[in-house]
């Protein structure tokens, strides 16, 4: 019998596979080397793989594991809501700041929210993480895959 995790994994697996199948109908563009379904297929394929692992772990895991799972710290729903808010602000800022600047700010802020920096070294780590993430994703998508990333109205960057 599956627990809530197993049923949740089944829902995510079915949804990921359904959406993956829909990406197969996207028409390729002759202007770019990869089609519009490339990135969604990667994300949905990885999501389906993790969902399958969750279902298998729940179905074939040791008995009583689900009842022991709730012995840790209580869930922090406020932190989840704050991260959704920060991500929403990131999505709103993209057209104004551009991909590179908005991604840098978002990743640095999310890192600082997940593990609040307590000294200068940890602040530098959060800023470097934001900088390297923005740079690496921009290089991979815009330079290597030739996918145009949003430029900012305010920054033209």
N, C-alpha and C. Protein backbone atom coordinates (compact mmCIF):
# COMPACT_ATOMS: atom_id res chain seq x y z
N UNK A 1 0.85 -1.18 0.00
CA UNK A 1 0.00 0.00 0.00
C UNK A 1 0.89 1.24 0.00
N UNK A 2 0.53 2.19 -0.83
CA UNK A 2 1.32 3.41 -0.94
C UNK A 2 0.92 4.43 0.12
N UNK A 3 1.90 5.20 0.58
CA UNK A 3 1.63 6.30 1.50
C UNK A 3 1.33 7.55 0.68
N UNK A 4 1.19 8.68 1.37
CA UNK A 4 0.95 9.94 0.66
C UNK A 4 2.09 10.27 -0.29
N UNK A 5 3.32 9.95 0.11
CA UNK A 5 4.46 10.20 -0.77
C UNK A 5 4.35 9.40 -2.06
N UNK A 6 3.97 8.14 -1.95
CA UNK A 6 3.82 7.30 -3.14
C UNK A 6 2.73 7.79 -4.06
N UNK A 7 1.59 8.17 -3.49
CA UNK A 7 0.50 8.70 -4.33
C UNK A 7 0.90 10.03 -4.96
N UNK A 8 1.58 10.87 -4.19
CA UNK A 8 2.07 12.13 -4.75
C UNK A 8 3.04 11.88 -5.89
N UNK A 9 3.94 10.90 -5.71
CA UNK A 9 4.87 10.55 -6.77
C UNK A 9 4.17 10.05 -8.02
N UNK A 10 3.09 9.25 -7.83
CA UNK A 10 2.32 8.78 -8.99
C UNK A 10 1.67 9.93 -9.75
N UNK A 11 1.14 10.90 -9.02
CA UNK A 11 0.51 12.06 -9.66
C UNK A 11 1.55 12.86 -10.44
N UNK A 12 2.71 13.10 -9.83
CA UNK A 12 3.77 13.85 -10.50
C UNK A 12 4.29 13.06 -11.70
N UNK A 13 4.44 11.75 -11.58
CA UNK A 13 4.90 10.92 -12.69
C UNK A 13 3.93 10.98 -13.85
N UNK A 14 2.63 10.81 -13.58
CA UNK A 14 1.63 10.85 -14.65
C UNK A 14 1.58 12.22 -15.31
N UNK A 15 1.64 13.28 -14.51
CA UNK A 15 1.59 14.64 -15.06
C UNK A 15 2.83 14.92 -15.89
N UNK A 16 4.00 14.52 -15.41
CA UNK A 16 5.24 14.74 -16.16
C UNK A 16 5.23 14.01 -17.50
N UNK A 17 4.77 12.77 -17.49
CA UNK A 17 4.73 12.00 -18.73
C UNK A 17 3.71 12.58 -19.71
N UNK A 18 2.57 13.04 -19.20
CA UNK A 18 1.56 13.67 -20.05
C UNK A 18 2.12 14.94 -20.70
N UNK A 19 2.76 15.78 -19.89
CA UNK A 19 3.32 17.02 -20.43
C UNK A 19 4.50 16.74 -21.36
N UNK A 20 5.30 15.71 -21.05
CA UNK A 20 6.39 15.32 -21.94
C UNK A 20 5.84 14.93 -23.30
N UNK A 21 4.75 14.16 -23.31
CA UNK A 21 4.14 13.75 -24.58
C UNK A 21 3.65 14.96 -25.37
N UNK A 22 3.16 15.97 -24.67
CA UNK A 22 2.71 17.18 -25.37
C UNK A 22 3.87 17.93 -26.03
N UNK A 23 5.07 17.86 -25.45
CA UNK A 23 6.22 18.55 -26.05
C UNK A 23 6.65 17.91 -27.36
N UNK A 24 6.27 16.66 -27.58
CA UNK A 24 6.66 15.99 -28.83
C UNK A 24 5.96 16.59 -30.03
N UNK A 25 4.86 17.30 -29.80
CA UNK A 25 4.13 17.93 -30.90
C UNK A 25 4.60 19.34 -31.24
N UNK A 26 5.56 19.87 -30.50
CA UNK A 26 6.07 21.22 -30.77
C UNK A 26 6.89 21.21 -32.06
N UNK A 27 6.67 22.19 -32.89
CA UNK A 27 7.37 22.29 -34.17
C UNK A 27 8.76 22.90 -33.99
N UNK A 28 9.76 22.32 -34.63
CA UNK A 28 11.12 22.85 -34.57
C UNK A 28 11.22 24.12 -35.39
N UNK A 29 12.09 25.03 -34.95
CA UNK A 29 12.33 26.28 -35.66
C UNK A 29 13.60 26.14 -36.49
N UNK A 30 13.58 26.58 -37.75
CA UNK A 30 14.79 26.48 -38.56
C UNK A 30 15.85 27.52 -38.15
N UNK A 31 15.49 28.47 -37.29
CA UNK A 31 16.41 29.53 -36.92
C UNK A 31 17.34 29.17 -35.76
N UNK A 32 16.98 28.17 -34.98
CA UNK A 32 17.82 27.79 -33.84
C UNK A 32 18.15 26.30 -33.94
N UNK A 33 19.32 25.90 -33.41
CA UNK A 33 19.72 24.49 -33.56
C UNK A 33 18.89 23.51 -32.74
N UNK A 34 18.27 23.96 -31.68
CA UNK A 34 17.42 23.07 -30.88
C UNK A 34 16.01 23.60 -30.90
N UNK A 35 15.07 22.71 -30.77
CA UNK A 35 13.67 23.10 -30.83
C UNK A 35 13.15 23.62 -29.51
N UNK A 36 11.91 24.09 -29.49
CA UNK A 36 11.33 24.66 -28.27
C UNK A 36 11.02 23.61 -27.21
N UNK A 37 11.02 22.34 -27.57
CA UNK A 37 10.73 21.30 -26.60
C UNK A 37 11.95 20.75 -25.89
N UNK A 38 13.14 21.21 -26.26
CA UNK A 38 14.38 20.66 -25.71
C UNK A 38 14.46 20.81 -24.19
N UNK A 39 14.37 22.01 -23.69
CA UNK A 39 14.49 22.24 -22.25
C UNK A 39 13.32 21.64 -21.48
N UNK A 40 12.06 21.83 -21.91
CA UNK A 40 10.97 21.19 -21.17
C UNK A 40 11.10 19.67 -21.11
N UNK A 41 11.61 19.05 -22.16
CA UNK A 41 11.79 17.59 -22.13
C UNK A 41 12.83 17.18 -21.10
N UNK A 42 13.89 17.95 -20.97
CA UNK A 42 14.91 17.64 -19.96
C UNK A 42 14.30 17.74 -18.57
N UNK A 43 13.62 18.86 -18.29
CA UNK A 43 13.04 19.07 -16.96
C UNK A 43 11.97 18.02 -16.66
N UNK A 44 11.09 17.76 -17.62
CA UNK A 44 10.02 16.79 -17.38
C UNK A 44 10.55 15.37 -17.28
N UNK A 45 11.59 15.05 -18.04
CA UNK A 45 12.19 13.73 -17.95
C UNK A 45 12.84 13.49 -16.60
N UNK A 46 13.58 14.48 -16.11
CA UNK A 46 14.20 14.36 -14.79
C UNK A 46 13.13 14.29 -13.71
N UNK A 47 12.10 15.11 -13.83
CA UNK A 47 11.01 15.09 -12.84
C UNK A 47 10.32 13.73 -12.83
N UNK A 48 10.06 13.17 -13.99
CA UNK A 48 9.42 11.85 -14.06
C UNK A 48 10.33 10.79 -13.45
N UNK A 49 11.63 10.89 -13.69
CA UNK A 49 12.56 9.93 -13.11
C UNK A 49 12.57 9.98 -11.59
N UNK A 50 12.60 11.18 -11.04
CA UNK A 50 12.57 11.32 -9.58
C UNK A 50 11.24 10.86 -9.00
N UNK A 51 10.15 11.15 -9.71
CA UNK A 51 8.83 10.70 -9.24
C UNK A 51 8.77 9.17 -9.22
N UNK A 52 9.32 8.54 -10.25
CA UNK A 52 9.35 7.08 -10.29
C UNK A 52 10.18 6.52 -9.13
N UNK A 53 11.32 7.15 -8.86
CA UNK A 53 12.13 6.71 -7.72
C UNK A 53 11.37 6.86 -6.40
N UNK A 54 10.60 7.92 -6.26
CA UNK A 54 9.81 8.12 -5.04
C UNK A 54 8.76 7.03 -4.90
N UNK A 55 8.08 6.70 -5.99
CA UNK A 55 7.06 5.65 -5.95
C UNK A 55 7.70 4.31 -5.61
N UNK A 56 8.82 3.99 -6.25
CA UNK A 56 9.50 2.72 -5.97
C UNK A 56 10.01 2.65 -4.54
N UNK A 57 10.57 3.75 -4.06
CA UNK A 57 11.06 3.77 -2.68
C UNK A 57 9.91 3.61 -1.69
N UNK A 58 8.77 4.19 -2.01
CA UNK A 58 7.62 4.06 -1.12
C UNK A 58 7.04 2.64 -1.18
N UNK A 59 6.98 2.08 -2.39
CA UNK A 59 6.38 0.76 -2.55
C UNK A 59 7.27 -0.35 -2.00
N UNK A 60 8.58 -0.23 -2.17
CA UNK A 60 9.48 -1.30 -1.76
C UNK A 60 10.37 -0.93 -0.58
N UNK A 61 10.07 0.20 0.06
CA UNK A 61 10.84 0.63 1.22
C UNK A 61 10.54 -0.25 2.42
N UNK A 62 11.31 -0.06 3.47
CA UNK A 62 11.11 -0.86 4.67
C UNK A 62 9.79 -0.49 5.34
N UNK A 63 9.11 -1.45 5.94
CA UNK A 63 7.84 -1.18 6.60
C UNK A 63 8.04 -0.24 7.79
N UNK A 64 7.10 0.65 7.96
CA UNK A 64 7.15 1.58 9.07
C UNK A 64 7.96 2.83 8.79
N UNK A 65 8.58 2.94 7.59
CA UNK A 65 9.39 4.12 7.28
C UNK A 65 8.52 5.37 7.21
N UNK A 66 7.30 5.23 6.71
CA UNK A 66 6.42 6.39 6.60
C UNK A 66 6.02 6.90 7.98
N UNK A 67 5.83 6.01 8.94
CA UNK A 67 5.43 6.46 10.27
C UNK A 67 6.59 7.11 11.01
N UNK A 68 7.84 6.76 10.66
CA UNK A 68 8.99 7.38 11.31
C UNK A 68 9.36 8.70 10.66
N UNK A 69 8.84 8.98 9.47
CA UNK A 69 9.23 10.18 8.74
C UNK A 69 8.80 11.45 9.45
N UNK A 70 7.75 11.42 10.23
CA UNK A 70 7.24 12.62 10.87
C UNK A 70 7.89 12.94 12.19
N UNK A 71 9.01 12.33 12.53
CA UNK A 71 9.62 12.55 13.83
C UNK A 71 10.58 13.74 13.84
N UNK A 72 10.83 14.37 12.71
CA UNK A 72 11.76 15.50 12.64
C UNK A 72 11.09 16.82 13.01
N UNK A 73 11.72 17.90 12.57
CA UNK A 73 11.19 19.24 12.84
C UNK A 73 9.89 19.45 12.06
N UNK A 74 8.99 20.27 12.59
CA UNK A 74 7.74 20.52 11.88
C UNK A 74 8.01 21.31 10.59
N UNK A 75 7.16 21.14 9.58
CA UNK A 75 7.36 21.85 8.32
C UNK A 75 7.26 23.36 8.52
N UNK A 76 8.08 24.09 7.79
CA UNK A 76 8.11 25.54 7.87
C UNK A 76 7.37 26.11 6.65
N UNK A 77 6.05 26.22 6.75
CA UNK A 77 5.24 26.67 5.62
C UNK A 77 5.49 28.13 5.29
N UNK A 78 5.85 28.94 6.27
CA UNK A 78 6.13 30.35 6.01
C UNK A 78 7.34 30.50 5.10
N UNK A 79 8.37 29.68 5.32
CA UNK A 79 9.56 29.74 4.47
C UNK A 79 9.22 29.36 3.03
N UNK A 80 8.36 28.38 2.86
CA UNK A 80 7.94 27.98 1.51
C UNK A 80 7.20 29.13 0.83
N UNK A 81 6.30 29.78 1.57
CA UNK A 81 5.55 30.91 1.01
C UNK A 81 6.49 32.05 0.64
N UNK A 82 7.49 32.32 1.47
CA UNK A 82 8.45 33.39 1.18
C UNK A 82 9.23 33.06 -0.08
N UNK A 83 9.64 31.81 -0.26
CA UNK A 83 10.38 31.43 -1.47
C UNK A 83 9.51 31.53 -2.72
N UNK A 84 8.23 31.18 -2.61
CA UNK A 84 7.34 31.38 -3.76
C UNK A 84 7.20 32.86 -4.08
N UNK A 85 7.12 33.70 -3.06
CA UNK A 85 7.04 35.15 -3.27
C UNK A 85 8.31 35.67 -3.95
N UNK A 86 9.46 35.22 -3.48
CA UNK A 86 10.73 35.66 -4.07
C UNK A 86 10.82 35.20 -5.52
N UNK A 87 10.38 33.97 -5.80
CA UNK A 87 10.40 33.49 -7.18
C UNK A 87 9.43 34.30 -8.05
N UNK A 88 8.27 34.65 -7.50
CA UNK A 88 7.32 35.49 -8.24
C UNK A 88 7.92 36.85 -8.56
N UNK A 89 8.64 37.44 -7.60
CA UNK A 89 9.31 38.72 -7.85
C UNK A 89 10.39 38.57 -8.92
N UNK A 90 11.08 37.44 -8.91
CA UNK A 90 12.08 37.16 -9.95
C UNK A 90 11.42 37.12 -11.33
N UNK A 91 10.30 36.43 -11.43
CA UNK A 91 9.60 36.35 -12.72
C UNK A 91 9.12 37.73 -13.17
N UNK A 92 8.66 38.55 -12.24
CA UNK A 92 8.23 39.91 -12.58
C UNK A 92 9.40 40.81 -12.96
N UNK A 93 10.57 40.57 -12.37
CA UNK A 93 11.74 41.41 -12.63
C UNK A 93 12.45 41.07 -13.94
N UNK A 94 12.24 39.86 -14.45
CA UNK A 94 12.96 39.43 -15.67
C UNK A 94 12.84 40.41 -16.83
N UNK A 95 11.64 40.89 -17.20
CA UNK A 95 11.59 41.79 -18.35
C UNK A 95 12.23 43.15 -18.09
N UNK A 96 12.35 43.55 -16.86
CA UNK A 96 12.90 44.86 -16.54
C UNK A 96 14.41 44.83 -16.30
N UNK A 97 14.88 43.79 -15.60
CA UNK A 97 16.31 43.70 -15.28
C UNK A 97 17.09 42.82 -16.24
N UNK A 98 16.40 41.94 -16.95
CA UNK A 98 17.08 41.00 -17.83
C UNK A 98 17.44 39.73 -17.08
N UNK A 99 17.76 38.70 -17.85
CA UNK A 99 18.01 37.38 -17.27
C UNK A 99 19.20 37.39 -16.33
N UNK A 100 20.32 37.95 -16.77
CA UNK A 100 21.55 37.86 -15.98
C UNK A 100 21.42 38.58 -14.64
N UNK A 101 20.93 39.80 -14.64
CA UNK A 101 20.84 40.58 -13.40
C UNK A 101 19.77 39.98 -12.48
N UNK A 102 18.59 39.67 -13.03
CA UNK A 102 17.50 39.12 -12.20
C UNK A 102 17.88 37.76 -11.62
N UNK A 103 18.55 36.92 -12.40
CA UNK A 103 18.95 35.60 -11.92
C UNK A 103 20.00 35.72 -10.82
N UNK A 104 20.95 36.63 -11.01
CA UNK A 104 21.95 36.86 -9.97
C UNK A 104 21.29 37.26 -8.66
N UNK A 105 20.37 38.22 -8.70
CA UNK A 105 19.71 38.69 -7.49
C UNK A 105 18.86 37.57 -6.88
N UNK A 106 18.12 36.84 -7.72
CA UNK A 106 17.25 35.78 -7.21
C UNK A 106 18.05 34.67 -6.52
N UNK A 107 19.09 34.18 -7.17
CA UNK A 107 19.85 33.06 -6.59
C UNK A 107 20.56 33.50 -5.31
N UNK A 108 21.12 34.70 -5.31
CA UNK A 108 21.78 35.19 -4.09
C UNK A 108 20.76 35.36 -2.96
N UNK A 109 19.59 35.91 -3.28
CA UNK A 109 18.56 36.10 -2.25
C UNK A 109 18.02 34.77 -1.75
N UNK A 110 17.76 33.83 -2.65
CA UNK A 110 17.25 32.51 -2.24
C UNK A 110 18.28 31.78 -1.38
N UNK A 111 19.54 31.90 -1.75
CA UNK A 111 20.59 31.27 -0.95
C UNK A 111 20.64 31.88 0.45
N UNK A 112 20.53 33.19 0.53
CA UNK A 112 20.56 33.87 1.83
C UNK A 112 19.32 33.54 2.65
N UNK A 113 18.19 33.30 2.00
CA UNK A 113 16.98 32.94 2.72
C UNK A 113 17.05 31.51 3.26
N UNK A 114 17.62 30.61 2.49
CA UNK A 114 17.70 29.21 2.93
C UNK A 114 18.70 29.01 4.06
N UNK A 115 19.83 29.71 3.97
CA UNK A 115 20.86 29.60 5.00
C UNK A 115 21.35 31.01 5.29
N UNK A 116 20.68 31.74 6.20
CA UNK A 116 21.02 33.15 6.44
C UNK A 116 22.50 33.34 6.78
N UNK A 117 23.17 34.20 6.01
CA UNK A 117 24.59 34.45 6.28
C UNK A 117 24.77 35.15 7.63
N UNK A 118 25.78 34.68 8.38
CA UNK A 118 26.05 35.26 9.70
C UNK A 118 27.38 36.00 9.75
N UNK A 119 28.17 35.88 8.69
CA UNK A 119 29.44 36.62 8.66
C UNK A 119 29.77 36.99 7.22
N UNK A 120 30.85 37.71 7.06
CA UNK A 120 31.24 38.22 5.74
C UNK A 120 31.50 37.10 4.74
N UNK A 121 32.14 36.04 5.19
CA UNK A 121 32.47 34.90 4.31
C UNK A 121 31.19 34.27 3.74
N UNK A 122 30.16 34.13 4.56
CA UNK A 122 28.91 33.54 4.08
C UNK A 122 28.17 34.48 3.13
N UNK A 123 28.28 35.80 3.33
CA UNK A 123 27.70 36.74 2.37
C UNK A 123 28.41 36.66 1.04
N UNK A 124 29.73 36.56 1.08
CA UNK A 124 30.50 36.42 -0.16
C UNK A 124 30.11 35.13 -0.88
N UNK A 125 29.89 34.05 -0.12
CA UNK A 125 29.46 32.78 -0.71
C UNK A 125 28.12 32.94 -1.43
N UNK A 126 27.17 33.62 -0.80
CA UNK A 126 25.84 33.81 -1.42
C UNK A 126 25.95 34.65 -2.69
N UNK A 127 26.76 35.70 -2.65
CA UNK A 127 26.94 36.56 -3.83
C UNK A 127 27.64 35.79 -4.94
N UNK A 128 28.68 35.04 -4.61
CA UNK A 128 29.39 34.25 -5.63
C UNK A 128 28.49 33.17 -6.23
N UNK A 129 27.67 32.55 -5.41
CA UNK A 129 26.75 31.55 -5.92
C UNK A 129 25.79 32.18 -6.93
N UNK A 130 25.25 33.34 -6.61
CA UNK A 130 24.37 34.04 -7.54
C UNK A 130 25.08 34.42 -8.82
N UNK A 131 26.29 34.94 -8.69
CA UNK A 131 27.07 35.35 -9.85
C UNK A 131 27.42 34.17 -10.75
N UNK A 132 27.92 33.10 -10.16
CA UNK A 132 28.31 31.93 -10.95
C UNK A 132 27.11 31.23 -11.59
N UNK A 133 25.99 31.19 -10.88
CA UNK A 133 24.79 30.56 -11.44
C UNK A 133 24.29 31.36 -12.64
N UNK A 134 24.20 32.67 -12.49
CA UNK A 134 23.74 33.52 -13.60
C UNK A 134 24.68 33.41 -14.79
N UNK A 135 25.98 33.44 -14.53
CA UNK A 135 26.97 33.35 -15.61
C UNK A 135 26.93 32.00 -16.30
N UNK A 136 26.89 30.93 -15.52
CA UNK A 136 26.90 29.58 -16.11
C UNK A 136 25.64 29.32 -16.93
N UNK A 137 24.47 29.67 -16.41
CA UNK A 137 23.24 29.42 -17.18
C UNK A 137 23.19 30.29 -18.42
N UNK A 138 23.67 31.52 -18.32
CA UNK A 138 23.69 32.39 -19.50
C UNK A 138 24.64 31.83 -20.55
N UNK A 139 25.84 31.39 -20.13
CA UNK A 139 26.79 30.82 -21.09
C UNK A 139 26.24 29.57 -21.76
N UNK A 140 25.65 28.68 -20.98
CA UNK A 140 25.13 27.43 -21.54
C UNK A 140 24.00 27.71 -22.51
N UNK A 141 23.02 28.51 -22.08
CA UNK A 141 21.84 28.70 -22.93
C UNK A 141 22.08 29.67 -24.08
N UNK A 142 22.67 30.83 -23.81
CA UNK A 142 22.79 31.82 -24.88
C UNK A 142 23.98 31.55 -25.79
N UNK A 143 25.10 31.19 -25.23
CA UNK A 143 26.30 31.00 -26.05
C UNK A 143 26.37 29.60 -26.66
N UNK A 144 26.12 28.56 -25.86
CA UNK A 144 26.29 27.19 -26.35
C UNK A 144 25.06 26.70 -27.11
N UNK A 145 23.86 26.89 -26.53
CA UNK A 145 22.64 26.38 -27.15
C UNK A 145 21.94 27.40 -28.06
N UNK A 146 22.44 28.61 -28.11
CA UNK A 146 21.88 29.69 -28.94
C UNK A 146 20.42 29.99 -28.61
N UNK A 147 20.08 29.94 -27.32
CA UNK A 147 18.74 30.30 -26.86
C UNK A 147 18.82 31.72 -26.33
N UNK A 148 18.08 32.63 -26.93
CA UNK A 148 18.13 34.02 -26.50
C UNK A 148 17.46 34.17 -25.14
N UNK A 149 18.18 34.75 -24.21
CA UNK A 149 17.65 34.99 -22.87
C UNK A 149 17.08 36.41 -22.82
N UNK A 150 16.11 36.65 -21.93
CA UNK A 150 15.47 37.98 -21.89
C UNK A 150 16.47 39.09 -21.54
N UNK A 151 16.39 40.17 -22.31
CA UNK A 151 17.17 41.37 -22.02
C UNK A 151 16.28 42.31 -21.22
N UNK A 152 16.89 43.09 -20.36
CA UNK A 152 16.12 43.98 -19.50
C UNK A 152 15.79 45.30 -20.17
N UNK A 153 14.56 45.78 -19.96
CA UNK A 153 14.18 47.10 -20.48
C UNK A 153 15.00 48.20 -19.82
N UNK A 154 15.27 48.04 -18.54
CA UNK A 154 16.01 49.05 -17.79
C UNK A 154 17.50 48.92 -17.97
N UNK A 155 17.99 47.71 -18.17
CA UNK A 155 19.44 47.48 -18.21
C UNK A 155 19.97 47.23 -19.62
N UNK A 156 19.14 46.76 -20.55
CA UNK A 156 19.54 46.32 -21.88
C UNK A 156 20.71 45.35 -21.79
N UNK A 157 20.64 44.50 -20.78
CA UNK A 157 21.74 43.57 -20.48
C UNK A 157 21.20 42.17 -20.35
